[in-house]
Amino acid sequence: MATTTEAKGCCKTGPGYATPKDAMEAPKEKLLYIPCIYRNTPTDAHDYLATVDIDEDSSTFCQVIHRLEMPNKNDEIHHSGWNACSSCFSDPSKNRNLLILPGLVSSRIHAVDVATDPKAPRLFKIVEPEEVFEKTGLAVPHTTHCIPGGKIMISCMGDPDGNEKGGYILLDCNTFELTGNWEAPGHNTKFGYDFWYQPRHNVMISTEWGQPKNFLAGFNPEDVANGYYGRSLHVYDWTTHEVIQDIDLGEDGMVPLEIRFLHDPAATEGFVGCALSSTIFHFYRTESGKWDADKVIAVPSKKVEGWVLPELPGILSDIIISMDDRFLYFSLWLHGDVRQYDISDPKNPKLVGQIFLGGSVQSDSQLKVTEDLELKSQPDPVFIDGKRVHGGPQMLQLSLDGKRLYVTTSLYSAWDKQFYPELAKNGSFLMMLDVDTEKGGLALNNKLHVNFGNEPKGPALAHEVRYPGGDCTSDIWM
């Protein structure tokens, strides 16, 4: 591993930082890259990558300064990732110059050049869905990570017909040529979604959403009972690319989505957020060498009237861990709050911060809460510059120093339209929370926000947040 001196520029190195500690000392982020979606909104337009200026000394502070439209409509660009990260730090031939934008619905994969002019990204190359289908037999791409060996790996959730099939495609990190599958033959999982790898421990662990042709159409509670949604983690041998263990999380672990190892590469543990169960599981390697997972946080559902079900789950949709591995954050898209937990003792997280930023059960909601095990009264709606924040907190991104937490409110356009019709109609918000990194605590920063309801072609649904130089959800140390 490179030294801290090298990380600060003494010697020629690759992308990222030598250690998580060095990452925390990086300069403050000044640009954000955010995919914006028009599927399932009143606007018939192309998805685009928004570049947002967040430099407080800039004349365009808190403005979208560039919009890179995708060539095709209805891609549903969703999650993004880099062609190189801190796992390549010791390789001076690597450069974090491409932001990868898979189309969740189209299976079209875009590589965007963000290095030539960071304030005006340009399209570098596209891999068309037909090539993905023919070469890999996979579709519905989601999570992107760079991996050792000059490759980009993208998880997929289905086959070209929308049936369940978890697998991984590989692309060259420089040319963006599609080279094939990562998983060993016969080692596809039933479902797919997110993944995190750690070669030091010869492991990769993946999660699962469900069968694409079901969840892409919207949420139907019957699909859960019919087995179309997942509840397991899958452990791969990193060297052989074979599934060596499945961990069934049970009814308390329905729809495990985002998975995060601790940033410390020596750690053999991390957390996964289960959306439908609104739970957090702590996963870890046991003394026997096997992997296991325990429920460590559970958010109770609210009993309600006027909703499709008698109980309203939180829908724990995103999680993030600070670079120093001290705090865990997660969002509850339907309940409407963001929470901060101290994970100094990973087996016993402690709630130290909470803030409400919308949700389905605000004080003026048409839903009636008949029993709430956590709150005595429901939170008031949030207004920014006189405009109501529709939807609930969803995607999270944390600054490298841990002091700023960025939040957007769109989950997936079909679910946005189903659960929050006014969100699909009026567009989403980017908000920033100030984080107390000493004692814990979250506060809405009223100076930094973007209303994507004011976009030139009409209100847009802003999703995941990235920024140049790496972030808390993409960089992996070896």
Protein backbone atom coordinates (compact mmCIF):
# COMPACT_ATOMS: atom_id res chain seq x y z
CA MET A 1 0.00 0.00 0.00
CA ALA A 2 1.24 3.50 -0.81
CA THR A 3 2.33 5.81 1.97
CA THR A 4 0.51 8.88 3.21
CA THR A 5 3.25 11.05 1.68
CA GLU A 6 2.55 9.56 -1.71
CA ALA A 7 -1.17 10.12 -1.22
CA LYS A 8 -0.59 13.85 -0.89
CA GLY A 9 1.20 14.12 -4.20
CA CYS A 10 4.94 13.64 -3.52
CA CYS A 11 5.16 10.83 -6.02
CA LYS A 12 3.14 9.83 -9.07
CA THR A 13 0.27 7.59 -7.98
CA GLY A 14 -3.02 6.29 -9.26
CA PRO A 15 -6.51 7.55 -8.42
CA GLY A 16 -7.97 8.06 -4.97
CA TYR A 17 -6.23 7.95 -1.63
CA ALA A 18 -3.77 5.67 0.17
CA THR A 19 -6.05 5.21 3.19
CA PRO A 20 -9.51 6.23 4.40
CA LYS A 21 -7.78 8.69 6.76
CA ASP A 22 -6.12 10.40 3.78
CA ALA A 23 -9.50 10.57 2.04
CA MET A 24 -10.95 12.42 5.03
CA GLU A 25 -8.24 15.10 4.62
CA ALA A 26 -9.07 15.70 0.94
CA PRO A 27 -10.25 19.13 -0.28
CA LYS A 28 -13.93 19.96 0.11
CA GLU A 29 -16.12 18.88 -2.80
CA LYS A 30 -17.17 21.68 -5.19
CA LEU A 31 -19.16 19.82 -7.85
CA LEU A 32 -21.89 17.19 -7.69
CA TYR A 33 -22.96 14.82 -10.47
CA ILE A 34 -26.59 13.71 -10.25
CA PRO A 35 -28.58 11.54 -12.71
CA CYS A 36 -31.97 13.10 -13.47
CA ILE A 37 -34.85 11.02 -14.78
CA TYR A 38 -37.95 11.84 -16.83
CA ARG A 39 -39.55 8.38 -17.05
CA ASN A 40 -42.98 8.30 -15.40
CA THR A 41 -43.18 12.09 -15.20
CA PRO A 42 -45.38 14.44 -17.28
CA THR A 43 -42.29 15.48 -19.28
CA ASP A 44 -41.37 13.49 -22.39
CA ALA A 45 -37.62 14.09 -22.46
CA HIS A 46 -34.24 12.40 -22.19
CA ASP A 47 -32.63 11.55 -18.88
CA TYR A 48 -29.53 13.65 -18.19
CA LEU A 49 -26.54 14.01 -15.90
CA ALA A 50 -26.76 17.25 -13.95
CA THR A 51 -23.60 19.02 -12.79
CA VAL A 52 -24.31 21.11 -9.70
CA ASP A 53 -21.97 23.86 -8.51
CA ILE A 54 -21.62 23.77 -4.71
CA ASP A 55 -18.61 26.07 -4.44
CA GLU A 56 -19.71 28.74 -1.98
CA ASP A 57 -17.38 31.28 -3.62
CA SER A 58 -18.87 30.72 -7.07
CA SER A 59 -21.36 33.00 -8.79
CA THR A 60 -23.34 29.90 -9.78
CA PHE A 61 -23.48 28.38 -6.28
CA CYS A 62 -26.36 25.89 -5.93
CA GLN A 63 -27.16 25.96 -9.64
CA VAL A 64 -27.22 23.24 -12.27
CA ILE A 65 -24.41 24.50 -14.50
CA HIS A 66 -24.47 21.71 -17.09
CA ARG A 67 -26.88 19.05 -18.34
CA LEU A 68 -25.57 16.13 -20.36
CA GLU A 69 -28.55 14.52 -22.09
CA MET A 70 -28.49 10.83 -22.82
CA PRO A 71 -28.99 10.02 -26.53
CA ASN A 72 -32.05 7.83 -25.88
CA LYS A 73 -35.22 8.24 -23.88
CA ASN A 74 -36.39 6.06 -20.99
CA ASP A 75 -33.02 4.66 -19.94
CA GLU A 76 -33.79 5.34 -16.26
CA ILE A 77 -30.19 6.14 -15.39
CA HIS A 78 -30.07 5.25 -11.74
CA HIS A 79 -26.90 4.39 -9.83
CA SER A 80 -23.46 5.37 -11.05
CA GLY A 81 -19.84 4.50 -10.38
CA TRP A 82 -16.24 5.10 -11.41
CA ASN A 83 -13.87 3.37 -13.78
CA ALA A 84 -11.13 3.57 -11.11
CA CYS A 85 -11.04 4.16 -7.35
CA SER A 86 -8.68 3.95 -4.40
CA SER A 87 -8.25 0.23 -5.01
CA CYS A 88 -6.04 1.36 -7.94
CA PHE A 89 -4.12 3.95 -5.91
CA SER A 90 -0.75 2.26 -6.35
CA ASP A 91 -1.16 2.05 -10.16
CA PRO A 92 -0.10 5.32 -11.86
CA SER A 93 -1.48 4.09 -15.18
CA LYS A 94 -5.06 4.32 -13.85
CA ASN A 95 -7.16 7.48 -13.93
CA ARG A 96 -10.58 8.19 -12.41
CA ASN A 97 -11.85 9.92 -15.53
CA LEU A 98 -15.07 8.07 -16.42
CA LEU A 99 -18.36 8.14 -14.56
CA ILE A 100 -20.40 5.06 -15.45
CA LEU A 101 -24.18 5.45 -15.88
CA PRO A 102 -26.08 2.19 -16.44
CA GLY A 103 -29.68 2.40 -17.63
CA LEU A 104 -31.76 0.41 -15.15
CA VAL A 105 -34.62 -0.07 -17.61
CA SER A 106 -32.85 0.02 -20.99
CA SER A 107 -29.72 -1.94 -19.95
CA ARG A 108 -27.75 0.61 -21.98
CA ILE A 109 -24.46 1.54 -20.28
CA HIS A 110 -22.97 5.02 -20.63
CA ALA A 111 -19.40 6.09 -19.92
CA VAL A 112 -19.10 9.82 -19.30
CA ASP A 113 -15.82 11.74 -19.46
CA VAL A 114 -15.71 13.98 -16.38
CA ALA A 115 -11.96 14.69 -16.49
CA THR A 116 -11.52 16.74 -19.67
CA ASP A 117 -13.85 19.43 -18.30
CA PRO A 118 -15.32 18.51 -14.89
CA LYS A 119 -17.89 21.30 -15.15
CA ALA A 120 -19.12 20.09 -18.54
CA PRO A 121 -19.01 16.28 -18.74
CA ARG A 122 -19.18 14.70 -22.19
CA LEU A 123 -20.23 11.31 -23.45
CA PHE A 124 -17.27 8.99 -24.01
CA LYS A 125 -18.87 5.72 -25.12
CA ILE A 126 -22.06 3.68 -24.96
CA VAL A 127 -22.49 -0.08 -24.72
CA GLU A 128 -25.85 -0.88 -26.29
CA PRO A 129 -28.23 -3.32 -24.58
CA GLU A 130 -28.09 -5.81 -27.45
CA GLU A 131 -24.36 -6.29 -26.84
CA VAL A 132 -24.95 -6.76 -23.11
CA PHE A 133 -27.65 -9.35 -23.79
CA GLU A 134 -25.67 -11.26 -26.41
CA LYS A 135 -22.31 -11.39 -24.60
CA THR A 136 -23.48 -11.93 -21.02
CA GLY A 137 -27.10 -13.09 -20.96
CA LEU A 138 -27.74 -10.43 -18.34
CA ALA A 139 -29.82 -7.24 -18.10
CA VAL A 140 -31.04 -4.57 -15.66
CA PRO A 141 -27.61 -3.27 -14.55
CA HIS A 142 -27.28 -1.59 -11.16
CA THR A 143 -24.09 -1.16 -9.08
CA THR A 144 -20.76 -0.20 -10.62
CA HIS A 145 -17.36 -0.79 -9.00
CA CYS A 146 -13.87 -0.74 -10.43
CA ILE A 147 -11.94 -3.89 -9.54
CA PRO A 148 -8.25 -4.84 -9.65
CA GLY A 149 -6.92 -5.82 -13.07
CA GLY A 150 -8.15 -2.77 -14.96
CA LYS A 151 -11.80 -3.82 -15.04
CA ILE A 152 -15.18 -2.28 -14.28
CA MET A 153 -17.75 -4.65 -12.78
CA ILE A 154 -21.48 -3.97 -12.88
CA SER A 155 -24.07 -6.07 -11.07
CA CYS A 156 -27.20 -7.11 -12.96
CA MET A 157 -30.58 -8.20 -11.67
CA GLY A 158 -32.17 -10.18 -14.48
CA ASP A 159 -32.07 -11.73 -17.92
CA PRO A 160 -33.11 -9.89 -21.11
CA ASP A 161 -36.74 -11.01 -20.60
CA GLY A 162 -36.96 -9.53 -17.11
CA ASN A 163 -36.71 -12.82 -15.26
CA GLU A 164 -34.70 -13.15 -12.05
CA LYS A 165 -30.94 -13.66 -12.57
CA GLY A 166 -28.14 -12.14 -10.52
CA GLY A 167 -24.80 -11.76 -12.27
CA TYR A 168 -21.97 -9.40 -13.19
CA ILE A 169 -20.61 -7.92 -16.39
CA LEU A 170 -17.04 -6.75 -16.97
CA LEU A 171 -15.74 -3.83 -19.01
CA ASP A 172 -12.25 -2.51 -19.65
CA CYS A 173 -11.63 0.56 -17.45
CA ASN A 174 -9.83 2.46 -20.24
CA THR A 175 -11.54 1.48 -23.51
CA PHE A 176 -14.92 0.60 -22.00
CA GLU A 177 -15.05 -2.57 -24.09
CA LEU A 178 -17.46 -5.20 -22.79
CA THR A 179 -15.40 -8.30 -22.05
CA GLY A 180 -17.94 -10.76 -20.59
CA ASN A 181 -19.12 -12.10 -17.24
CA TRP A 182 -17.34 -12.08 -13.87
CA GLU A 183 -19.21 -14.90 -12.12
CA ALA A 184 -18.07 -18.47 -12.73
CA PRO A 185 -20.37 -20.56 -14.97
CA GLY A 186 -23.32 -21.86 -12.99
CA HIS A 187 -22.85 -19.36 -10.18
CA ASN A 188 -25.60 -16.85 -10.89
CA THR A 189 -27.77 -16.01 -7.90
CA LYS A 190 -31.57 -16.02 -7.92
CA PHE A 191 -31.75 -12.25 -7.52
CA GLY A 192 -29.21 -9.44 -7.76
CA TYR A 193 -28.70 -5.84 -6.68
CA ASP A 194 -25.66 -4.40 -4.82
CA PHE A 195 -22.21 -5.79 -3.95
CA TRP A 196 -19.01 -4.99 -2.08
CA TYR A 197 -15.71 -6.81 -2.45
CA GLN A 198 -12.60 -7.14 -0.29
CA PRO A 199 -9.71 -9.08 -1.93
CA ARG A 200 -7.70 -8.95 1.30
CA HIS A 201 -10.22 -11.43 2.69
CA ASN A 202 -10.92 -13.17 -0.64
CA VAL A 203 -14.60 -12.26 -0.49
CA MET A 204 -17.40 -10.46 -2.23
CA ILE A 205 -20.91 -10.23 -0.77
CA SER A 206 -23.99 -9.34 -2.82
CA THR A 207 -27.60 -8.45 -2.06
CA GLU A 208 -30.90 -8.80 -3.89
CA TRP A 209 -33.93 -6.75 -4.85
CA GLY A 210 -36.29 -8.98 -6.80
CA GLN A 211 -37.52 -10.12 -10.19
CA PRO A 212 -37.18 -7.17 -12.58
CA LYS A 213 -40.42 -7.60 -14.52
CA ASN A 214 -42.25 -7.36 -11.21
CA PHE A 215 -40.50 -4.50 -9.37
CA LEU A 216 -39.90 -2.43 -12.51
CA ALA A 217 -43.67 -2.22 -13.04
CA GLY A 218 -44.30 -0.95 -9.51
CA PHE A 219 -44.77 -2.44 -6.05
CA ASN A 220 -47.41 -5.12 -5.54
CA PRO A 221 -47.56 -6.59 -2.01
CA GLU A 222 -48.65 -9.92 -3.48
CA ASP A 223 -45.28 -10.20 -5.22
CA VAL A 224 -43.62 -10.46 -1.81
CA ALA A 225 -45.81 -13.39 -0.79
CA ASN A 226 -45.24 -15.00 -4.18
CA GLY A 227 -41.47 -15.01 -3.75
CA TYR A 228 -40.57 -12.33 -6.27
CA TYR A 229 -38.51 -10.34 -3.75
CA GLY A 230 -35.25 -11.37 -2.10
CA ARG A 231 -34.10 -11.79 1.50
CA SER A 232 -30.60 -13.26 1.21
CA LEU A 233 -26.94 -12.32 1.06
CA HIS A 234 -24.60 -14.22 -1.25
CA VAL A 235 -20.94 -14.80 -0.42
CA TYR A 236 -18.51 -15.26 -3.31
CA ASP A 237 -14.96 -16.56 -3.31
CA TRP A 238 -13.19 -13.56 -4.86
CA THR A 239 -10.56 -15.72 -6.53
CA THR A 240 -12.76 -18.41 -8.10
CA HIS A 241 -15.85 -16.20 -8.63
CA GLU A 242 -18.01 -18.95 -7.15
CA VAL A 243 -20.87 -18.61 -4.65
CA ILE A 244 -19.66 -20.34 -1.50
CA GLN A 245 -22.41 -19.40 0.94
CA ASP A 246 -25.96 -18.03 1.03
CA ILE A 247 -27.22 -16.22 4.14
CA ASP A 248 -31.00 -16.22 4.47
CA LEU A 249 -31.96 -13.17 6.55
CA GLY A 250 -35.52 -14.42 7.02
CA GLU A 251 -38.68 -12.33 7.33
CA ASP A 252 -36.75 -9.65 9.23
CA GLY A 253 -34.42 -9.19 6.25
CA MET A 254 -36.80 -8.67 3.36
CA VAL A 255 -35.26 -6.93 0.33
CA PRO A 256 -31.65 -6.38 1.40
CA LEU A 257 -30.42 -3.56 -0.81
CA GLU A 258 -27.33 -1.46 -0.06
CA ILE A 259 -24.36 -3.28 1.43
CA ARG A 260 -21.27 -1.60 2.92
CA PHE A 261 -18.14 -3.14 4.37
CA LEU A 262 -16.35 -0.95 6.89
CA HIS A 263 -13.80 1.20 5.05
CA ASP A 264 -10.89 -0.20 7.06
CA PRO A 265 -9.58 -2.92 4.70
CA ALA A 266 -8.60 -5.08 7.67
CA ALA A 267 -12.23 -5.24 8.84
CA THR A 268 -14.23 -8.39 8.20
CA GLU A 269 -17.62 -6.84 8.86
CA GLY A 270 -20.14 -4.31 7.63
CA PHE A 271 -23.84 -3.52 7.35
CA VAL A 272 -26.71 -4.10 4.97
CA GLY A 273 -30.02 -2.24 4.88
CA CYS A 274 -33.21 -4.24 4.30
CA ALA A 275 -35.78 -2.02 2.61
CA LEU A 276 -39.11 -3.73 3.17
CA SER A 277 -38.33 -4.90 6.71
CA SER A 278 -36.78 -1.54 7.62
CA THR A 279 -33.92 -3.29 9.40
CA ILE A 280 -30.14 -3.12 9.50
CA PHE A 281 -28.11 -6.33 9.66
CA HIS A 282 -24.52 -6.47 10.83
CA PHE A 283 -22.60 -9.06 8.80
CA TYR A 284 -19.25 -10.50 9.84
CA ARG A 285 -16.83 -13.38 9.37
CA THR A 286 -17.02 -15.98 12.12
CA GLU A 287 -14.12 -17.80 13.76
CA SER A 288 -14.82 -20.78 11.51
CA GLY A 289 -14.25 -18.65 8.42
CA LYS A 290 -17.93 -18.64 7.45
CA TRP A 291 -19.98 -15.45 7.27
CA ASP A 292 -23.06 -14.60 9.32
CA ALA A 293 -25.43 -11.68 9.90
CA ASP A 294 -27.43 -10.40 12.87
CA LYS A 295 -30.22 -7.86 13.04
CA VAL A 296 -28.96 -4.84 15.00
CA ILE A 297 -31.50 -2.11 14.15
CA ALA A 298 -35.25 -2.44 13.52
CA VAL A 299 -37.59 0.44 12.69
CA PRO A 300 -41.20 -0.44 13.61
CA SER A 301 -43.96 0.03 11.07
CA LYS A 302 -46.73 2.52 11.76
CA LYS A 303 -50.33 1.35 11.92
CA VAL A 304 -52.34 3.48 9.52
CA GLU A 305 -55.70 3.99 7.86
CA GLY A 306 -56.13 5.09 4.25
CA TRP A 307 -53.16 3.18 2.81
CA VAL A 308 -52.92 0.00 0.73
CA LEU A 309 -51.83 -2.00 3.82
CA PRO A 310 -52.78 -1.64 7.51
CA GLU A 311 -49.14 -0.97 8.40
CA LEU A 312 -46.73 1.49 6.79
CA PRO A 313 -43.11 0.29 6.68
CA GLY A 314 -40.27 2.78 6.73
CA ILE A 315 -38.74 1.50 3.44
CA LEU A 316 -35.10 1.74 4.44
CA SER A 317 -33.76 2.64 1.02
CA ASP A 318 -30.12 3.72 1.42
CA ILE A 319 -27.26 3.41 3.91
CA ILE A 320 -23.81 4.95 4.14
CA ILE A 321 -20.82 4.64 6.48
CA SER A 322 -18.48 7.50 7.32
CA MET A 323 -14.84 7.17 6.24
CA ASP A 324 -13.67 6.75 9.83
CA ASP A 325 -16.18 3.90 10.31
CA ARG A 326 -17.74 5.70 13.26
CA PHE A 327 -21.20 6.58 11.95
CA LEU A 328 -23.87 4.77 9.95
CA TYR A 329 -26.61 6.75 8.20
CA PHE A 330 -29.81 5.53 6.60
CA SER A 331 -32.94 6.94 5.01
CA LEU A 332 -36.54 5.87 5.52
CA TRP A 333 -38.27 6.82 2.29
CA LEU A 334 -41.88 6.34 3.42
CA HIS A 335 -41.58 7.40 7.06
CA GLY A 336 -39.57 10.43 5.96
CA ASP A 337 -36.54 10.54 8.25
CA VAL A 338 -32.77 10.24 8.01
CA ARG A 339 -30.99 8.64 10.98
CA GLN A 340 -27.42 8.69 12.27
CA TYR A 341 -26.07 5.85 14.42
CA ASP A 342 -22.81 5.60 16.30
CA ILE A 343 -21.31 2.24 15.26
CA SER A 344 -18.17 2.36 17.39
CA ASP A 345 -19.52 -0.94 18.69
CA PRO A 346 -20.84 -2.46 15.43
CA LYS A 347 -22.91 -5.05 17.29
CA ASN A 348 -24.77 -2.34 19.26
CA PRO A 349 -25.43 0.78 17.15
CA LYS A 350 -26.71 3.83 19.05
CA LEU A 351 -29.06 6.43 17.58
CA VAL A 352 -27.42 9.87 17.84
CA GLY A 353 -29.11 11.92 15.12
CA GLN A 354 -32.47 12.09 13.33
CA ILE A 355 -34.26 14.54 11.05
CA PHE A 356 -37.53 14.42 9.08
CA LEU A 357 -37.50 15.59 5.45
CA GLY A 358 -40.93 14.69 4.11
CA GLY A 359 -42.52 11.26 4.01
CA SER A 360 -46.03 9.79 3.80
CA VAL A 361 -47.28 10.61 7.28
CA GLN A 362 -46.66 14.29 7.75
CA SER A 363 -48.97 16.31 9.98
CA ASP A 364 -51.23 17.27 7.05
CA SER A 365 -51.17 13.83 5.39
CA GLN A 366 -54.38 12.12 4.29
CA LEU A 367 -53.06 8.95 5.91
CA LYS A 368 -54.18 8.56 9.51
CA VAL A 369 -51.67 7.08 11.90
CA THR A 370 -53.48 4.98 14.48
CA GLU A 371 -50.42 3.63 16.31
CA ASP A 372 -46.82 4.86 16.28
CA LEU A 373 -44.32 3.17 18.56
CA GLU A 374 -41.74 5.95 18.09
CA LEU A 375 -43.49 9.32 17.69
CA LYS A 376 -46.19 11.09 19.71
CA SER A 377 -47.12 13.24 16.72
CA GLN A 378 -46.26 13.24 13.04
CA PRO A 379 -43.70 15.71 11.66
CA ASP A 380 -44.65 18.86 9.79
CA PRO A 381 -43.94 19.15 6.06
CA VAL A 382 -40.67 20.72 4.92
CA PHE A 383 -40.63 23.83 2.73
CA ILE A 384 -37.56 25.25 0.99
CA ASP A 385 -37.80 28.71 -0.57
CA GLY A 386 -41.56 28.41 -0.26
CA LYS A 387 -41.70 25.10 -2.16
CA ARG A 388 -42.83 21.91 -0.50
CA VAL A 389 -40.45 18.95 -0.47
CA HIS A 390 -42.42 16.05 -1.93
CA GLY A 391 -41.52 12.43 -1.41
CA GLY A 392 -39.12 11.35 1.30
CA PRO A 393 -35.36 11.21 1.85
CA GLN A 394 -33.85 8.50 -0.33
CA MET A 395 -30.33 8.57 -1.79
CA LEU A 396 -27.50 9.62 0.53
CA GLN A 397 -23.93 10.72 -0.10
CA LEU A 398 -21.51 11.81 2.59
CA SER A 399 -18.59 14.18 2.22
CA LEU A 400 -15.21 12.54 2.71
CA ASP A 401 -14.67 14.42 5.98
CA GLY A 402 -18.08 13.29 7.20
CA LYS A 403 -19.45 16.77 7.85
CA ARG A 404 -21.97 17.12 4.99
CA LEU A 405 -24.68 14.61 4.10
CA TYR A 406 -26.38 15.07 0.72
CA VAL A 407 -29.94 13.80 0.30
CA THR A 408 -32.21 13.39 -2.72
CA THR A 409 -35.84 12.29 -2.73
CA SER A 410 -36.41 10.03 -5.77
CA LEU A 411 -36.20 6.24 -5.43
CA TYR A 412 -37.23 4.86 -8.84
CA SER A 413 -39.62 6.63 -11.19
CA ALA A 414 -42.38 3.98 -11.22
CA TRP A 415 -42.33 3.75 -7.42
CA ASP A 416 -42.14 7.55 -7.14
CA LYS A 417 -45.28 7.84 -9.25
CA GLN A 418 -47.04 5.11 -7.26
CA PHE A 419 -46.21 6.23 -3.73
CA TYR A 420 -45.67 9.97 -4.23
CA PRO A 421 -47.62 11.22 -7.28
CA GLU A 422 -46.80 14.83 -6.40
CA LEU A 423 -43.10 13.99 -6.47
CA ALA A 424 -43.33 12.69 -10.04
CA LYS A 425 -45.34 15.76 -10.96
CA ASN A 426 -43.31 18.45 -9.18
CA GLY A 427 -39.79 17.01 -9.25
CA SER A 428 -37.35 16.23 -6.48
CA PHE A 429 -34.98 18.16 -4.23
CA LEU A 430 -31.31 17.99 -3.40
CA MET A 431 -30.76 18.90 0.24
CA MET A 432 -27.71 19.00 2.48
CA LEU A 433 -27.52 18.17 6.16
CA ASP A 434 -24.85 19.51 8.48
CA VAL A 435 -23.44 16.65 10.54
CA ASP A 436 -22.18 16.83 14.10
CA THR A 437 -19.19 14.49 13.93
CA GLU A 438 -18.41 14.80 17.64
CA LYS A 439 -21.57 13.97 19.55
CA GLY A 440 -23.84 13.18 16.62
CA GLY A 441 -26.71 15.21 15.19
CA LEU A 442 -28.23 16.30 11.87
CA ALA A 443 -29.48 19.73 10.79
CA LEU A 444 -30.88 20.96 7.48
CA ASN A 445 -28.57 23.50 5.85
CA ASN A 446 -30.82 26.19 4.40
CA LYS A 447 -28.11 27.60 2.14
CA LEU A 448 -27.43 24.55 -0.02
CA HIS A 449 -30.28 23.01 -1.97
CA VAL A 450 -31.50 22.53 -5.54
CA ASN A 451 -35.14 22.30 -6.58
CA PHE A 452 -35.25 20.02 -9.62
CA GLY A 453 -38.83 21.10 -10.13
CA ASN A 454 -37.42 24.20 -11.82
CA GLU A 455 -35.53 22.45 -14.61
CA PRO A 456 -35.79 23.98 -18.12
CA LYS A 457 -37.63 21.02 -19.70
CA GLY A 458 -39.81 20.35 -16.69
CA PRO A 459 -39.59 18.87 -13.20
CA ALA A 460 -37.07 16.02 -13.00
CA LEU A 461 -36.38 13.17 -10.58
CA ALA A 462 -32.85 13.54 -9.20
CA HIS A 463 -31.32 10.36 -7.85
CA GLU A 464 -27.78 9.39 -6.79
CA VAL A 465 -25.05 11.91 -5.86
CA ARG A 466 -21.38 11.59 -6.84
CA TYR A 467 -18.52 14.08 -6.85
CA PRO A 468 -15.05 14.17 -8.45
CA GLY A 469 -12.28 12.52 -6.51
CA GLY A 470 -14.22 9.66 -4.98
CA ASP A 471 -16.82 9.28 -2.27
CA CYS A 472 -17.94 7.18 0.68
CA THR A 473 -19.83 4.59 -1.39
CA SER A 474 -17.42 3.84 -4.22
CA ASP A 475 -13.87 3.76 -2.87
CA ILE A 476 -12.49 0.42 -1.69
CA TRP A 477 -9.10 -0.11 -0.10
CA MET A 478 -7.05 -3.23 -0.60
